C-alpha atoms as a PDB file:
ATOM      1  CA  MET A   1     161.621  69.758  96.463  1.00  0.00           C
ATOM      2  CA  LYS A   2     164.194  72.325  97.754  1.00  0.00           C
ATOM      3  CA  SER A   3     164.835  75.766  96.096  1.00  0.00           C
ATOM      4  CA  ARG A   4     167.793  76.769  94.415  1.00  0.00           C
ATOM      5  CA  LEU A   5     168.410  80.298  93.143  1.00  0.00           C
ATOM      6  CA  ILE A   6     169.413  80.839  89.396  1.00  0.00           C
ATOM      7  CA  PHE A   7     168.978  84.034  87.115  1.00  0.00           C
ATOM      8  CA  LEU A   8     165.655  85.967  87.461  1.00  0.00           C
ATOM      9  CA  ILE A   9     164.332  86.302  84.006  1.00  0.00           C
ATOM     10  CA  THR A  10     160.910  87.244  82.552  1.00  0.00           C
ATOM     11  CA  SER A  11     159.080  85.574  79.679  1.00  0.00           C
ATOM     12  CA  SER A  12     159.760  88.599  77.446  1.00  0.00           C
ATOM     13  CA  LEU A  13     163.335  87.696  77.108  1.00  0.00           C
ATOM     14  CA  PHE A  14     162.289  84.301  75.353  1.00  0.00           C
ATOM     15  CA  ALA A  15     162.305  84.784  71.545  1.00  0.00           C
ATOM     16  CA  SER A  16     160.106  81.639  71.025  1.00  0.00           C
ATOM     17  CA  CYS A  17     159.142  78.210  72.422  1.00  0.00           C
ATOM     18  CA  VAL A  18     161.879  75.500  71.724  1.00  0.00           C
ATOM     19  CA  TYR A  19     160.435  72.059  72.052  1.00  0.00           C
ATOM     20  CA  ALA A  20     162.299  69.040  72.694  1.00  0.00           C
ATOM     21  CA  ALA A  21     162.608  66.221  70.017  1.00  0.00           C
ATOM     22  CA  GLY A  22     159.622  63.873  69.970  1.00  0.00           C
ATOM     23  CA  PHE A  23     159.999  60.253  70.120  1.00  0.00           C
ATOM     24  CA  GLU A  24     160.436  59.263  66.459  1.00  0.00           C
ATOM     25  CA  LYS A  25     163.311  62.004  66.285  1.00  0.00           C
ATOM     26  CA  ILE A  26     164.781  60.592  69.176  1.00  0.00           C
ATOM     27  CA  MET A  27     164.962  57.107  67.803  1.00  0.00           C
ATOM     28  CA  GLU A  28     166.048  58.406  64.397  1.00  0.00           C
ATOM     29  CA  LYS A  29     169.225  60.264  65.802  1.00  0.00           C
ATOM     30  CA  GLY A  30     169.914  57.532  68.254  1.00  0.00           C
ATOM     31  CA  PHE A  31     170.215  60.032  71.209  1.00  0.00           C
ATOM     32  CA  ILE A  32     168.031  61.105  74.226  1.00  0.00           C
ATOM     33  CA  GLU A  33     168.992  64.258  76.589  1.00  0.00           C
ATOM     34  CA  PHE A  34     168.069  64.218  80.235  1.00  0.00           C
ATOM     35  CA  ALA A  35     167.787  67.435  82.385  1.00  0.00           C
ATOM     36  CA  VAL A  36     169.088  66.831  86.082  1.00  0.00           C
ATOM     37  CA  TYR A  37     169.876  68.886  88.783  1.00  0.00           C
ATOM     38  CA  GLU A  38     173.368  70.016  89.474  1.00  0.00           C
ATOM     39  CA  ASN A  39     175.151  69.541  92.764  1.00  0.00           C
ATOM     40  CA  PHE A  40     172.466  67.327  94.117  1.00  0.00           C
ATOM     41  CA  PRO A  41     174.055  64.277  95.584  1.00  0.00           C
ATOM     42  CA  PRO A  42     173.360  61.473  95.397  1.00  0.00           C
ATOM     43  CA  TYR A  43     170.938  61.816  92.519  1.00  0.00           C
ATOM     44  CA  SER A  44     172.941  64.151  90.005  1.00  0.00           C
ATOM     45  CA  TYR A  45     176.322  65.842  90.458  1.00  0.00           C
ATOM     46  CA  LYS A  46     179.934  65.957  89.002  1.00  0.00           C
ATOM     47  CA  ASP A  47     182.575  63.934  90.943  1.00  0.00           C
ATOM     48  CA  GLU A  48     186.299  65.230  91.549  1.00  0.00           C
ATOM     49  CA  ASN A  49     187.124  64.415  87.795  1.00  0.00           C
ATOM     50  CA  GLY A  50     184.192  66.131  86.345  1.00  0.00           C
ATOM     51  CA  GLN A  51     182.147  62.993  85.629  1.00  0.00           C
ATOM     52  CA  VAL A  52     178.452  63.154  85.995  1.00  0.00           C
ATOM     53  CA  LYS A  53     177.150  60.708  88.571  1.00  0.00           C
ATOM     54  CA  GLY A  54     174.187  59.985  90.521  1.00  0.00           C
ATOM     55  CA  VAL A  55     171.257  57.812  90.840  1.00  0.00           C
ATOM     56  CA  ASP A  56     169.183  59.853  88.262  1.00  0.00           C
ATOM     57  CA  VAL A  57     172.052  59.717  85.848  1.00  0.00           C
ATOM     58  CA  ASP A  58     172.219  55.951  86.287  1.00  0.00           C
ATOM     59  CA  LEU A  59     168.508  55.692  85.803  1.00  0.00           C
ATOM     60  CA  GLY A  60     168.731  57.997  82.619  1.00  0.00           C
ATOM     61  CA  LYS A  61     171.442  55.781  81.195  1.00  0.00           C
ATOM     62  CA  LEU A  62     169.408  52.654  81.664  1.00  0.00           C
ATOM     63  CA  ILE A  63     166.466  54.132  80.218  1.00  0.00           C
ATOM     64  CA  ALA A  64     168.240  55.066  77.088  1.00  0.00           C
ATOM     65  CA  GLU A  65     169.891  51.584  76.903  1.00  0.00           C
ATOM     66  CA  LYS A  66     166.461  49.827  76.940  1.00  0.00           C
ATOM     67  CA  MET A  67     165.222  52.324  74.149  1.00  0.00           C
ATOM     68  CA  GLY A  68     168.380  51.538  72.054  1.00  0.00           C
ATOM     69  CA  VAL A  69     169.744  54.931  72.160  1.00  0.00           C
ATOM     70  CA  LYS A  70     172.803  56.933  73.603  1.00  0.00           C
ATOM     71  CA  SER A  71     172.346  59.343  76.368  1.00  0.00           C
ATOM     72  CA  GLY A  72     173.397  62.833  77.364  1.00  0.00           C
ATOM     73  CA  PHE A  73     172.917  64.846  80.462  1.00  0.00           C
ATOM     74  CA  ARG A  74     172.259  68.502  81.028  1.00  0.00           C
ATOM     75  CA  LEU A  75     172.890  69.646  84.590  1.00  0.00           C
ATOM     76  CA  PHE A  76     171.176  72.754  85.745  1.00  0.00           C
ATOM     77  CA  GLN A  77     170.631  74.845  88.941  1.00  0.00           C
ATOM     78  CA  ALA A  78     167.215  75.047  89.971  1.00  0.00           C
ATOM     79  CA  ASP A  79     164.977  77.855  89.538  1.00  0.00           C
ATOM     80  CA  GLU A  80     162.725  79.539  91.980  1.00  0.00           C
ATOM     81  CA  SER A  81     160.083  76.963  91.774  1.00  0.00           C
ATOM     82  CA  VAL A  82     159.490  73.428  90.177  1.00  0.00           C
ATOM     83  CA  GLU A  83     156.955  75.207  87.786  1.00  0.00           C
ATOM     84  CA  ASP A  84     160.048  77.290  86.564  1.00  0.00           C
ATOM     85  CA  ASP A  85     162.150  74.333  86.160  1.00  0.00           C
ATOM     86  CA  LEU A  86     159.527  72.649  84.000  1.00  0.00           C
ATOM     87  CA  ARG A  87     159.189  75.647  81.866  1.00  0.00           C
ATOM     88  CA  ASN A  88     162.823  76.025  81.324  1.00  0.00           C
ATOM     89  CA  LEU A  89     163.738  72.460  80.677  1.00  0.00           C
ATOM     90  CA  VAL A  90     160.633  70.652  79.570  1.00  0.00           C
ATOM     91  CA  TRP A  91     158.170  72.673  77.541  1.00  0.00           C
ATOM     92  CA  LYS A  92     159.700  76.076  76.707  1.00  0.00           C
ATOM     93  CA  GLY A  93     163.489  76.321  77.009  1.00  0.00           C
ATOM     94  CA  HIS A  94     165.712  79.157  78.583  1.00  0.00           C
ATOM     95  CA  TYR A  95     167.356  81.890  76.764  1.00  0.00           C
ATOM     96  CA  LEU A  96     170.818  80.899  78.578  1.00  0.00           C
ATOM     97  CA  ALA A  97     170.333  77.249  78.861  1.00  0.00           C
ATOM     98  CA  GLY A  98     169.067  76.779  75.272  1.00  0.00           C
ATOM     99  CA  GLY A  99     165.866  74.716  74.297  1.00  0.00           C
ATOM    100  CA  ALA A 100     164.094  72.192  76.297  1.00  0.00           C
ATOM    101  CA  ALA A 101     165.625  69.006  77.216  1.00  0.00           C
ATOM    102  CA  ASP A 102     163.962  65.418  75.917  1.00  0.00           C
ATOM    103  CA  VAL A 103     163.338  64.343  79.605  1.00  0.00           C
ATOM    104  CA  PHE A 104     163.369  65.946  83.054  1.00  0.00           C
ATOM    105  CA  LEU A 105     164.253  63.442  85.962  1.00  0.00           C
ATOM    106  CA  HIS A 106     163.427  64.143  89.601  1.00  0.00           C
ATOM    107  CA  ALA A 107     160.224  65.736  88.877  1.00  0.00           C
ATOM    108  CA  PRO A 108     157.367  65.502  91.751  1.00  0.00           C
ATOM    109  CA  TYR A 109     154.691  63.177  91.072  1.00  0.00           C
ATOM    110  CA  ASP A 110     151.225  64.683  92.368  1.00  0.00           C
ATOM    111  CA  VAL A 111     147.778  64.504  90.659  1.00  0.00           C
ATOM    112  CA  ASN A 112     146.943  68.172  91.571  1.00  0.00           C
ATOM    113  CA  PHE A 113     150.417  69.265  90.636  1.00  0.00           C
ATOM    114  CA  ALA A 114     149.871  67.697  87.234  1.00  0.00           C
ATOM    115  CA  LYS A 115     146.524  69.462  86.736  1.00  0.00           C
ATOM    116  CA  LEU A 116     148.097  72.854  86.994  1.00  0.00           C
ATOM    117  CA  ASN A 117     150.855  72.040  84.650  1.00  0.00           C
ATOM    118  CA  GLU A 118     148.992  70.966  81.499  1.00  0.00           C
ATOM    119  CA  LYS A 119     151.957  71.376  79.151  1.00  0.00           C
ATOM    120  CA  VAL A 120     153.741  68.700  80.902  1.00  0.00           C
ATOM    121  CA  ILE A 121     153.270  64.919  81.142  1.00  0.00           C
ATOM    122  CA  PHE A 122     154.243  63.228  84.239  1.00  0.00           C
ATOM    123  CA  THR A 123     155.096  59.391  83.918  1.00  0.00           C
ATOM    124  CA  GLN A 124     154.694  56.877  86.545  1.00  0.00           C
ATOM    125  CA  PRO A 125     157.061  57.463  89.413  1.00  0.00           C
ATOM    126  CA  TYR A 126     160.134  55.639  90.144  1.00  0.00           C
ATOM    127  CA  PHE A 127     160.429  55.998  93.756  1.00  0.00           C
ATOM    128  CA  ARG A 128     159.555  57.599  97.008  1.00  0.00           C
ATOM    129  CA  GLU A 129     161.561  60.258  98.839  1.00  0.00           C
ATOM    130  CA  VAL A 130     160.931  60.581 102.769  1.00  0.00           C
ATOM    131  CA  VAL A 131     162.106  62.951 105.284  1.00  0.00           C
ATOM    132  CA  ALA A 132     164.201  61.204 107.948  1.00  0.00           C
ATOM    133  CA  PHE A 133     166.808  62.172 110.969  1.00  0.00           C
ATOM    134  CA  ALA A 134     170.266  61.198 111.535  1.00  0.00           C
ATOM    135  CA  VAL A 135     170.907  61.029 114.949  1.00  0.00           C
ATOM    136  CA  ASN A 136     173.978  60.818 117.283  1.00  0.00           C
ATOM    137  CA  THR A 137     172.709  58.212 119.736  1.00  0.00           C
ATOM    138  CA  GLU A 138     175.701  59.026 122.150  1.00  0.00           C
ATOM    139  CA  ARG A 139     174.334  62.702 122.561  1.00  0.00           C
ATOM    140  CA  VAL A 140     170.633  61.902 122.094  1.00  0.00           C
ATOM    141  CA  ARG A 141     169.954  58.241 123.600  1.00  0.00           C
ATOM    142  CA  SER A 142     165.974  58.542 123.610  1.00  0.00           C
ATOM    143  CA  ALA A 143     165.078  60.587 120.744  1.00  0.00           C
ATOM    144  CA  ARG A 144     161.590  59.311 120.575  1.00  0.00           C
ATOM    145  CA  THR A 145     159.945  62.788 119.641  1.00  0.00           C
ATOM    146  CA  LEU A 146     161.445  66.177 118.625  1.00  0.00           C
ATOM    147  CA  GLU A 147     161.140  67.891 121.835  1.00  0.00           C
ATOM    148  CA  VAL A 148     164.483  66.610 122.777  1.00  0.00           C
ATOM    149  CA  PHE A 149     165.831  68.989 120.184  1.00  0.00           C
ATOM    150  CA  ALA A 150     164.798  72.114 122.376  1.00  0.00           C
ATOM    151  CA  THR A 151     168.027  71.706 124.243  1.00  0.00           C
ATOM    152  CA  GLU A 152     170.029  69.571 121.645  1.00  0.00           C
ATOM    153  CA  PRO A 153     171.428  71.389 118.309  1.00  0.00           C
ATOM    154  CA  ILE A 154     169.788  70.006 115.143  1.00  0.00           C
ATOM    155  CA  GLY A 155     171.386  70.841 111.767  1.00  0.00           C
ATOM    156  CA  VAL A 156     169.048  71.471 108.376  1.00  0.00           C
ATOM    157  CA  GLU A 157     169.752  72.723 105.043  1.00  0.00           C
ATOM    158  CA  THR A 158     169.110  76.588 104.743  1.00  0.00           C
ATOM    159  CA  ALA A 159     165.632  77.106 103.016  1.00  0.00           C
ATOM    160  CA  SER A 160     164.616  73.477 103.098  1.00  0.00           C
ATOM    161  CA  LEU A 161     161.323  71.816 103.913  1.00  0.00           C
ATOM    162  CA  SER A 162     163.049  70.676 107.137  1.00  0.00           C
ATOM    163  CA  ASP A 163     164.270  74.033 107.851  1.00  0.00           C
ATOM    164  CA  ALA A 164     160.821  75.516 107.777  1.00  0.00           C
ATOM    165  CA  TYR A 165     159.357  72.897 109.674  1.00  0.00           C
ATOM    166  CA  LEU A 166     161.699  73.044 112.809  1.00  0.00           C
ATOM    167  CA  LEU A 167     161.495  76.655 113.047  1.00  0.00           C
ATOM    168  CA  GLY A 168     157.814  76.446 113.543  1.00  0.00           C
ATOM    169  CA  ALA A 169     157.459  73.241 115.328  1.00  0.00           C
ATOM    170  CA  PHE A 170     156.020  73.128 118.991  1.00  0.00           C
ATOM    171  CA  SER A 171     155.198  76.811 118.661  1.00  0.00           C
ATOM    172  CA  GLY A 172     158.697  77.879 117.754  1.00  0.00           C
ATOM    173  CA  LYS A 173     160.375  75.977 121.000  1.00  0.00           C
ATOM    174  CA  LEU A 174     163.048  74.342 118.679  1.00  0.00           C
ATOM    175  CA  ARG A 175     163.981  77.503 117.087  1.00  0.00           C
ATOM    176  CA  ASP A 176     167.219  78.459 118.975  1.00  0.00           C
ATOM    177  CA  SER A 177     168.370  74.946 118.566  1.00  0.00           C
ATOM    178  CA  VAL A 178     168.285  74.902 114.702  1.00  0.00           C
ATOM    179  CA  ARG A 179     171.454  75.264 113.080  1.00  0.00           C
ATOM    180  CA  HIS A 180     171.731  76.157 109.338  1.00  0.00           C
ATOM    181  CA  TYR A 181     174.019  74.769 106.602  1.00  0.00           C
ATOM    182  CA  VAL A 182     174.311  75.469 102.888  1.00  0.00           C
ATOM    183  CA  THR A 183     173.862  71.587 102.087  1.00  0.00           C
ATOM    184  CA  VAL A 184     172.958  68.502 103.546  1.00  0.00           C
ATOM    185  CA  THR A 185     176.434  67.266 103.358  1.00  0.00           C
ATOM    186  CA  ASP A 186     177.702  70.260 105.420  1.00  0.00           C
ATOM    187  CA  ALA A 187     175.185  69.613 107.979  1.00  0.00           C
ATOM    188  CA  VAL A 188     176.096  65.977 108.389  1.00  0.00           C
ATOM    189  CA  TYR A 189     179.808  66.989 108.313  1.00  0.00           C
ATOM    190  CA  ALA A 190     178.799  69.243 111.334  1.00  0.00           C
ATOM    191  CA  MET A 191     177.083  66.188 113.157  1.00  0.00           C
ATOM    192  CA  VAL A 192     180.457  64.215 112.579  1.00  0.00           C
ATOM    193  CA  ASP A 193     182.327  67.130 113.848  1.00  0.00           C
ATOM    194  CA  ARG A 194     180.114  67.221 117.052  1.00  0.00           C
ATOM    195  CA  GLU A 195     178.534  70.622 116.340  1.00  0.00           C
ATOM    196  CA  VAL A 196     175.180  69.179 116.144  1.00  0.00           C
ATOM    197  CA  SER A 197     173.337  66.300 117.542  1.00  0.00           C
ATOM    198  CA  ALA A 198     171.124  65.461 114.772  1.00  0.00           C
ATOM    199  CA  VAL A 199     170.294  66.293 111.092  1.00  0.00           C
ATOM    200  CA  MET A 200     166.716  66.547 109.536  1.00  0.00           C
ATOM    201  CA  ALA A 201     166.710  66.124 105.720  1.00  0.00           C
ATOM    202  CA  ASN A 202     165.497  64.032 102.808  1.00  0.00           C
ATOM    203  CA  ARG A 203     166.712  60.418 103.579  1.00  0.00           C
ATOM    204  CA  GLY A 204     168.636  59.720 100.389  1.00  0.00           C
ATOM    205  CA  GLU A 205     170.805  62.957 100.759  1.00  0.00           C
ATOM    206  CA  LEU A 206     171.303  61.970 104.730  1.00  0.00           C
ATOM    207  CA  GLU A 207     172.473  58.545 103.677  1.00  0.00           C
ATOM    208  CA  HIS A 208     174.643  59.716 101.011  1.00  0.00           C
ATOM    209  CA  GLY A 209     176.370  62.179 103.317  1.00  0.00           C
ATOM    210  CA  LEU A 210     177.050  59.506 105.975  1.00  0.00           C
ATOM    211  CA  LEU A 211     178.703  57.486 103.452  1.00  0.00           C
ATOM    212  CA  GLN A 212     181.399  59.910 103.307  1.00  0.00           C
ATOM    213  CA  HIS A 213     182.398  59.128 107.032  1.00  0.00           C
ATOM    214  CA  GLU A 214     182.956  56.319 109.482  1.00  0.00           C
ATOM    215  CA  HIS A 215     180.114  56.606 112.047  1.00  0.00           C
ATOM    216  CA  ASP A 216     177.482  54.906 114.243  1.00  0.00           C
ATOM    217  CA  PHE A 217     174.705  57.376 113.801  1.00  0.00           C
ATOM    218  CA  LEU A 218     171.200  55.998 113.550  1.00  0.00           C
ATOM    219  CA  VAL A 219     169.082  57.084 110.346  1.00  0.00           C
ATOM    220  CA  THR A 220     165.487  56.924 111.338  1.00  0.00           C
ATOM    221  CA  LYS A 221     162.079  58.385 111.293  1.00  0.00           C
ATOM    222  CA  LEU A 222     160.633  60.585 114.166  1.00  0.00           C
ATOM    223  CA  PRO A 223     157.106  61.864 114.823  1.00  0.00           C
ATOM    224  CA  THR A 224     156.689  65.089 112.977  1.00  0.00           C
ATOM    225  CA  PRO A 225     153.432  66.481 114.192  1.00  0.00           C
ATOM    226  CA  GLY A 226     152.107  69.357 111.820  1.00  0.00           C
ATOM    227  CA  LEU A 227     154.353  68.087 108.886  1.00  0.00           C
ATOM    228  CA  SER A 228     151.879  68.032 106.114  1.00  0.00           C
ATOM    229  CA  VAL A 229     154.249  66.281 103.777  1.00  0.00           C
ATOM    230  CA  GLU A 230     156.592  63.482 104.974  1.00  0.00           C
ATOM    231  CA  GLY A 231     157.244  61.926 101.603  1.00  0.00           C
ATOM    232  CA  TRP A 232     156.575  62.202  97.893  1.00  0.00           C
ATOM    233  CA  GLU A 233     157.003  60.384  94.790  1.00  0.00           C
ATOM    234  CA  LEU A 234     159.398  61.355  92.123  1.00  0.00           C
ATOM    235  CA  CYS A 235     159.063  60.700  88.310  1.00  0.00           C
ATOM    236  CA  ALA A 236     160.207  61.647  84.672  1.00  0.00           C
ATOM    237  CA  ALA A 237     158.641  64.652  83.030  1.00  0.00           C
ATOM    238  CA  VAL A 238     158.294  65.519  79.328  1.00  0.00           C
ATOM    239  CA  SER A 239     156.383  68.026  77.087  1.00  0.00           C
ATOM    240  CA  SER A 240     152.730  67.544  76.443  1.00  0.00           C
ATOM    241  CA  GLU A 241     153.850  67.649  72.798  1.00  0.00           C
ATOM    242  CA  ASN A 242     155.588  64.379  73.306  1.00  0.00           C
ATOM    243  CA  VAL A 243     152.948  61.770  74.164  1.00  0.00           C
ATOM    244  CA  ASN A 244     154.706  59.042  72.447  1.00  0.00           C
ATOM    245  CA  LEU A 245     157.777  59.637  74.341  1.00  0.00           C
ATOM    246  CA  ALA A 246     155.922  59.674  77.547  1.00  0.00           C
ATOM    247  CA  ASN A 247     154.300  56.520  76.828  1.00  0.00           C
ATOM    248  CA  LYS A 248     157.549  54.769  75.978  1.00  0.00           C
ATOM    249  CA  LEU A 249     159.154  56.068  79.314  1.00  0.00           C
ATOM    250  CA  ASN A 250     156.298  54.719  81.246  1.00  0.00           C
ATOM    251  CA  GLU A 251     156.594  51.461  79.691  1.00  0.00           C
ATOM    252  CA  VAL A 252     160.210  51.251  80.363  1.00  0.00           C
ATOM    253  CA  ILE A 253     160.094  52.792  83.829  1.00  0.00           C
ATOM    254  CA  GLY A 254     157.361  50.136  84.782  1.00  0.00           C
ATOM    255  CA  GLU A 255     159.610  47.349  83.622  1.00  0.00           C
ATOM    256  CA  LEU A 256     162.654  48.648  85.359  1.00  0.00           C
ATOM    257  CA  LYS A 257     160.519  48.900  88.586  1.00  0.00           C
ATOM    258  CA  GLN A 258     159.139  45.431  88.191  1.00  0.00           C
ATOM    259  CA  SER A 259     162.694  43.864  87.583  1.00  0.00           C
ATOM    260  CA  GLY A 260     164.121  45.303  90.524  1.00  0.00           C
ATOM    261  CA  GLU A 261     166.761  47.334  88.412  1.00  0.00           C
ATOM    262  CA  ILE A 262     165.738  50.592  89.875  1.00  0.00           C
ATOM    263  CA  GLU A 263     166.323  49.490  93.390  1.00  0.00           C
ATOM    264  CA  SER A 264     169.426  48.146  92.412  1.00  0.00           C
ATOM    265  CA  ILE A 265     170.662  51.321  91.322  1.00  0.00           C
ATOM    266  CA  PHE A 266     170.023  52.859  94.671  1.00  0.00           C
ATOM    267  CA  LYS A 267     171.851  49.825  96.431  1.00  0.00           C
ATOM    268  CA  SER A 268     174.877  50.496  94.117  1.00  0.00           C
ATOM    269  CA  HIS A 269     175.072  53.972  95.656  1.00  0.00           C
ATOM    270  CA  GLY A 270     174.544  52.760  99.304  1.00  0.00           C
ATOM    271  CA  LEU A 271     171.261  53.891  99.461  1.00  0.00           C
ATOM    272  CA  SER A 272     167.943  52.396 100.768  1.00  0.00           C
ATOM    273  CA  TYR A 273     165.017  52.261  98.197  1.00  0.00           C
ATOM    274  CA  HIS A 274     161.511  53.310  99.095  1.00  0.00           C
ATOM    275  CA  PRO A 275     159.098  51.724  96.688  1.00  0.00           C
ATOM    276  CA  VAL A 276     156.273  53.965  95.276  1.00  0.00           C
ATOM    277  CA  ILE A 277     152.970  53.700  97.435  1.00  0.00           C
ATOM    278  CA  ASP A 278     150.489  54.585  94.440  1.00  0.00           C
ATOM    279  CA  ASP A 279     151.170  53.646  90.751  1.00  0.00           C
ATOM    280  CA  GLU A 280     148.051  55.506  89.450  1.00  0.00           C
ATOM    281  CA  LEU A 281     148.994  56.895  85.960  1.00  0.00           C
ATOM    282  CA  LEU A 282     148.773  60.368  85.059  1.00  0.00           C
ATOM    283  CA  LEU A 283     149.643  59.834  81.649  1.00  0.00           C
ATOM    284  CA  VAL A 284     147.315  61.375  79.007  1.00  0.00           C
ATOM    285  CA  SER A 285     146.136  59.204  76.032  1.00  0.00           C
ATOM    286  CA  GLY A 286     146.428  60.454  72.500  1.00  0.00           C
ATOM    287  CA  ASP A 287     148.672  60.657  69.514  1.00  0.00           C
ATOM    288  CA  GLU A 288     151.744  62.668  69.486  1.00  0.00           C
ATOM    289  CA  LYS A 289     151.416  66.126  68.031  1.00  0.00           C
END
């Protein structure tokens, strides 16, 4: 998950922990609030008319529909780490952004990470993100390995996983060829404008960026020796106080995966869907507090 800066704060600025509503309260009021990242196409963003859109937004709407409640979305700018995001949006709240949301979408699904965040319940994942490359095959005709980018420029989003990897790959031999951009969308535009020959980024963001242009570029996987994480699963996260809500989300997400409705959301956005490799559940058992 990439980092985005927001306000640097300390826990002493919080007057108290503000928990999200429990499952029964959500059903009673008929409304569920999802926290999603802002300026994060194709997953969550505002269009030119100010409407909240994206894969995660459509997923939240579908989950709410299956639960028989209305949905709302809180867009937020990511903090220094995912742990900060979980604290601010799931189990504690933020003195500027308000109390915790009911559900945080696009949370990383990882057993070891979950063990370090005991105040959070992670539901079963709903898709797998993968690192990929968009390549201008007219300029790079045989990109079977990354060594071709020792001489061909390649774009990345600044401070991303792809950025860190390319700067250190092959003992730094690609460093001089790496071009930095504020967003993946900017990097893709640079490739369209022939500033770079390829872009390395998360596949969903690459595909969305390329949809904005007419092109014949290839989106593909390339060998990435030394890259420890080539893909990761994403899921919903709720406070550990809300076990019943987590159980309901787990049930609904499982049904949506099995029915193909989540895959349909991705296709409606012009994106490929990568199914989850491991469906081992992290859900805790017990009654909601």
